[in-house]
């Protein structure tokens, strides 16, 4: 069983919306608090932090390029993370990766949206936005 399983990617026209989901396996996510998020990557470029959330606090964190357009949310009972994307642009086209980290200190650093702060990565789901 994959530890993080993304779904919901596909193709959409610019200006449209899409929702990504990521279900975490029970052997990864327990009853304690943890961090989850989304990164994206295009060929030849570094991974970009999109959004992150810490289940032990109220904060959500967004990359500058998506702030105000994307919303991250989480259903702890379902161990599922969501990314609602609106007003999509062609530059949002990328492979989107769900990430998670269960270390006790994760909540202290996730606001930086650094890929190195997340130990678990999903396989990714592709999002294509056409103009």
Protein backbone atom coordinates (compact mmCIF):
# COMPACT_ATOMS: atom_id res chain seq x y z
CA UNK A 1 0.00 0.00 0.00
CA UNK A 2 1.34 3.39 -0.97
CA UNK A 3 1.87 5.69 1.97
CA UNK A 4 0.59 8.73 0.11
CA UNK A 5 -1.78 8.32 -2.81
CA UNK A 6 -2.65 11.37 -4.87
CA UNK A 7 -5.66 11.68 -7.12
CA UNK A 8 -7.59 14.34 -9.00
CA UNK A 9 -5.07 15.54 -11.55
CA UNK A 10 -5.88 16.03 -15.21
CA UNK A 11 -6.37 18.73 -17.79
CA UNK A 12 -8.30 21.95 -17.46
CA UNK A 13 -8.52 25.22 -19.30
CA UNK A 14 -7.08 28.41 -17.89
CA UNK A 15 -9.43 30.01 -15.42
CA UNK A 16 -10.86 26.67 -14.39
CA UNK A 17 -10.73 24.79 -11.12
CA UNK A 18 -9.50 21.42 -9.95
CA UNK A 19 -9.25 19.59 -6.66
CA UNK A 20 -6.45 17.27 -5.74
CA UNK A 21 -6.73 14.68 -2.99
CA UNK A 22 -4.12 12.72 -1.11
CA UNK A 23 -4.93 9.82 1.16
CA UNK A 24 -2.33 8.77 3.69
CA UNK A 25 -2.03 5.17 4.74
CA UNK A 26 -2.71 4.29 8.38
CA UNK A 27 0.82 2.99 8.80
CA UNK A 28 2.09 6.50 8.07
CA UNK A 29 -0.47 8.69 9.79
CA UNK A 30 -1.45 7.86 13.34
CA UNK A 31 -3.47 9.68 15.95
CA UNK A 32 -0.86 12.32 16.65
CA UNK A 33 -0.29 15.59 14.86
CA UNK A 34 1.64 15.80 11.66
CA UNK A 35 2.36 17.98 8.66
CA UNK A 36 1.14 17.50 5.12
CA UNK A 37 1.46 19.58 2.02
CA UNK A 38 1.79 19.89 -1.72
CA UNK A 39 4.79 20.57 -3.89
CA UNK A 40 4.99 20.82 -7.63
CA UNK A 41 7.68 20.42 -10.20
CA UNK A 42 8.17 20.97 -13.90
CA UNK A 43 10.97 19.43 -15.97
CA UNK A 44 14.31 21.08 -15.40
CA UNK A 45 13.11 23.07 -12.42
CA UNK A 46 13.35 22.65 -8.69
CA UNK A 47 10.44 21.56 -6.58
CA UNK A 48 8.23 24.44 -5.54
CA UNK A 49 6.31 24.54 -2.30
CA UNK A 50 2.61 25.05 -2.99
CA UNK A 51 0.88 24.72 0.37
CA UNK A 52 1.21 23.04 3.73
CA UNK A 53 -0.77 22.42 6.87
CA UNK A 54 -0.03 21.30 10.40
CA UNK A 55 -2.80 19.33 12.07
CA UNK A 56 -1.76 20.56 15.52
CA UNK A 57 -2.29 24.23 14.72
CA UNK A 58 -4.57 26.58 12.83
CA UNK A 59 -2.13 27.75 10.24
CA UNK A 60 -1.96 27.05 6.57
CA UNK A 61 0.92 28.15 4.41
CA UNK A 62 1.07 28.97 0.72
CA UNK A 63 3.63 29.70 -1.92
CA UNK A 64 3.51 33.23 -3.25
CA UNK A 65 2.46 32.16 -6.72
CA UNK A 66 -0.70 30.39 -5.51
CA UNK A 67 -1.78 32.47 -2.54
CA UNK A 68 -5.35 33.61 -2.93
CA UNK A 69 -6.09 31.01 -5.62
CA UNK A 70 -5.38 27.68 -3.92
CA UNK A 71 -6.78 26.37 -0.65
CA UNK A 72 -5.35 23.50 1.35
CA UNK A 73 -7.52 21.55 3.73
CA UNK A 74 -7.42 18.32 5.62
CA UNK A 75 -9.82 15.72 6.93
CA UNK A 76 -8.01 14.01 9.79
CA UNK A 77 -10.62 11.28 10.20
CA UNK A 78 -10.14 10.27 6.57
CA UNK A 79 -6.37 10.88 6.65
CA UNK A 80 -6.92 12.88 3.48
CA UNK A 81 -5.39 16.12 2.30
CA UNK A 82 -7.00 18.33 -0.33
CA UNK A 83 -5.85 21.12 -2.58
CA UNK A 84 -8.60 23.19 -4.15
CA UNK A 85 -7.17 25.09 -7.08
CA UNK A 86 -9.06 27.94 -8.70
CA UNK A 87 -8.26 30.53 -11.36
CA UNK A 88 -5.77 28.11 -12.81
CA UNK A 89 -3.10 29.42 -15.14
CA UNK A 90 -0.92 27.68 -17.71
CA UNK A 91 2.05 28.24 -15.40
CA UNK A 92 0.34 26.01 -12.82
CA UNK A 93 1.00 23.08 -15.13
CA UNK A 94 3.23 20.66 -13.23
CA UNK A 95 3.49 17.36 -11.46
CA UNK A 96 1.96 17.83 -8.04
CA UNK A 97 3.29 15.83 -5.13
CA UNK A 98 1.65 15.16 -1.81
CA UNK A 99 4.09 15.25 1.10
CA UNK A 100 3.97 14.41 4.77
CA UNK A 101 6.13 14.48 7.84
CA UNK A 102 5.28 13.07 11.24
CA UNK A 103 8.18 14.39 13.25
CA UNK A 104 7.18 16.37 16.31
CA UNK A 105 9.05 19.43 15.06
CA UNK A 106 7.45 19.59 11.64
CA UNK A 107 5.03 22.32 12.66
CA UNK A 108 7.92 24.63 13.45
CA UNK A 109 9.34 24.64 9.95
CA UNK A 110 6.60 23.97 7.42
CA UNK A 111 5.91 27.67 6.88
CA UNK A 112 9.16 27.76 4.92
CA UNK A 113 7.78 25.23 2.41
CA UNK A 114 11.14 23.55 2.00
CA UNK A 115 11.09 20.17 0.32
CA UNK A 116 13.78 18.88 2.66
CA UNK A 117 11.41 19.25 5.62
CA UNK A 118 9.08 16.54 4.33
CA UNK A 119 10.27 12.97 4.51
CA UNK A 120 7.43 11.22 2.73
CA UNK A 121 6.46 11.88 -0.86
CA UNK A 122 3.72 10.52 -3.06
CA UNK A 123 4.23 9.47 -6.68
CA UNK A 124 2.63 12.65 -7.97
CA UNK A 125 -0.34 13.57 -10.10
CA UNK A 126 -0.08 15.62 -13.24
CA UNK A 127 -1.98 18.86 -13.71
CA UNK A 128 -2.13 20.46 -17.13
CA UNK A 129 -3.65 23.90 -17.67
CA UNK A 130 -4.18 24.94 -21.25
CA UNK A 131 -4.52 28.51 -22.44
